[in-house]
Amino acid sequence: PKGAGEGGGEDAVMGEDGQQAGRGEMEVVMLGTAASVPGKYRNVSGILVNHLAEGKGGILLDAGEGTLGQIHARYGPEKAREVLESLRCVWISHMHADHHIGLLRVLS
């Protein structure tokens, strides 16, 4: 992939499909960064990488317990539904419960 200084522009990254994504076109939302048990201020593992261009969708990296609730808290019920329907991929890093136990709720 091309980065800054390689013809991609200061804030652009070239993807495998030949399309550029610049600053403001991608959103990384930390849904949870805590250990194996959700706390009052931090949920367990979950990261949403959203491509903000129309029709591009997003990727969910891990879906620990409470991930769906975090998406609803961040976006509100209507926009959360759009985010979930536009997901293109869910990637589970490994099979510890704090990384996948919220997946069923996300998929339902």
Protein backbone atom coordinates (compact mmCIF):
# COMPACT_ATOMS: atom_id res chain seq x y z
CA PRO A 1 0.00 0.00 0.00
CA LYS A 2 1.10 3.54 -0.71
CA GLY A 3 1.41 5.92 2.18
CA ALA A 4 2.41 9.53 2.69
CA GLY A 5 5.28 10.55 0.48
CA GLU A 6 4.67 7.76 -2.07
CA GLY A 7 2.21 9.48 -4.36
CA GLY A 8 -0.75 8.86 -2.07
CA GLY A 9 -0.87 12.32 -0.56
CA GLU A 10 -0.20 13.38 3.02
CA ASP A 11 -3.34 11.80 4.48
CA ALA A 12 -4.13 9.03 1.99
CA VAL A 13 -3.55 5.28 2.06
CA MET A 14 -3.88 3.15 -1.05
CA GLY A 15 -5.82 -0.07 -0.52
CA GLU A 16 -5.45 -3.33 -2.43
CA ASP A 17 -8.41 -2.36 -4.62
CA GLY A 18 -6.54 0.72 -5.85
CA GLN A 19 -8.88 3.08 -4.02
CA GLN A 20 -7.58 5.72 -1.65
CA ALA A 21 -8.94 6.37 1.81
CA GLY A 22 -8.02 9.74 3.25
CA ARG A 23 -8.39 11.40 6.61
CA GLY A 24 -12.04 11.78 7.50
CA GLU A 25 -13.07 8.75 5.44
CA MET A 26 -12.26 6.13 8.07
CA GLU A 27 -13.43 5.96 11.66
CA VAL A 28 -11.92 3.72 14.34
CA VAL A 29 -14.21 3.31 17.35
CA MET A 30 -12.86 1.61 20.46
CA LEU A 31 -15.92 -0.21 21.79
CA GLY A 32 -13.94 -1.93 24.51
CA THR A 33 -10.34 -2.08 25.68
CA ALA A 34 -10.63 -3.69 29.12
CA ALA A 35 -9.55 -7.08 30.36
CA SER A 36 -11.80 -10.15 30.55
CA VAL A 37 -14.60 -8.50 32.58
CA PRO A 38 -16.45 -5.33 31.55
CA GLY A 39 -16.14 -2.49 34.02
CA LYS A 40 -18.08 0.68 34.70
CA TYR A 41 -15.99 2.72 32.27
CA ARG A 42 -14.46 0.13 29.92
CA ASN A 43 -16.04 -2.73 28.02
CA VAL A 44 -14.18 -5.89 26.94
CA SER A 45 -12.54 -6.18 23.51
CA GLY A 46 -14.24 -4.65 20.51
CA ILE A 47 -13.08 -2.29 17.78
CA LEU A 48 -15.20 -0.99 14.91
CA VAL A 49 -13.39 0.20 11.79
CA ASN A 50 -15.90 2.12 9.70
CA HIS A 51 -15.33 3.24 6.12
CA LEU A 52 -17.52 6.32 5.97
CA ALA A 53 -17.99 6.37 2.19
CA GLU A 54 -21.41 5.27 1.01
CA GLY A 55 -21.68 1.52 0.54
CA LYS A 56 -18.23 0.64 1.89
CA GLY A 57 -19.31 -0.76 5.26
CA GLY A 58 -17.17 -1.59 8.24
CA ILE A 59 -15.20 -4.28 10.00
CA LEU A 60 -15.73 -5.37 13.59
CA LEU A 61 -12.55 -6.57 15.27
CA ASP A 62 -13.60 -8.79 18.18
CA ALA A 63 -17.04 -8.71 19.78
CA GLY A 64 -16.76 -9.09 23.52
CA GLU A 65 -19.74 -9.03 25.85
CA GLY A 66 -21.57 -5.71 25.61
CA THR A 67 -20.34 -4.81 22.11
CA LEU A 68 -23.88 -4.32 20.81
CA GLY A 69 -24.68 -2.03 23.73
CA GLN A 70 -21.56 0.01 23.05
CA ILE A 71 -22.55 0.44 19.40
CA HIS A 72 -26.02 1.60 20.46
CA ALA A 73 -24.54 3.98 23.04
CA ARG A 74 -22.16 5.48 20.46
CA TYR A 75 -24.58 5.84 17.54
CA GLY A 76 -28.11 5.70 18.94
CA PRO A 77 -30.65 3.04 17.89
CA GLU A 78 -31.31 4.18 14.32
CA LYS A 79 -27.72 4.78 13.23
CA ALA A 80 -26.57 1.66 15.13
CA ARG A 81 -28.87 -0.41 12.94
CA GLU A 82 -27.27 1.13 9.82
CA VAL A 83 -23.78 0.43 11.15
CA LEU A 84 -24.64 -3.20 11.92
CA GLU A 85 -26.33 -3.79 8.56
CA SER A 86 -23.32 -2.37 6.73
CA LEU A 87 -20.75 -4.62 8.44
CA ARG A 88 -18.72 -6.48 5.84
CA CYS A 89 -16.61 -8.59 8.16
CA VAL A 90 -16.29 -9.66 11.78
CA TRP A 91 -12.82 -10.80 12.77
CA ILE A 92 -12.31 -12.65 16.05
CA SER A 93 -8.68 -12.52 17.12
CA HIS A 94 -8.84 -15.66 19.26
CA MET A 95 -11.41 -17.80 21.03
CA HIS A 96 -11.28 -16.37 24.54
CA ALA A 97 -14.80 -15.50 25.66
CA ASP A 98 -14.00 -11.82 26.19
CA HIS A 99 -13.30 -11.56 22.45
CA HIS A 100 -16.34 -13.37 21.00
CA ILE A 101 -19.19 -13.79 23.51
CA GLY A 102 -21.00 -10.67 22.23
CA LEU A 103 -21.00 -11.87 18.63
CA LEU A 104 -24.36 -13.62 18.78
CA ARG A 105 -26.12 -10.43 19.87
CA VAL A 106 -24.38 -8.43 17.14
CA LEU A 107 -25.44 -10.93 14.49
CA SER A 108 -29.04 -11.16 15.72
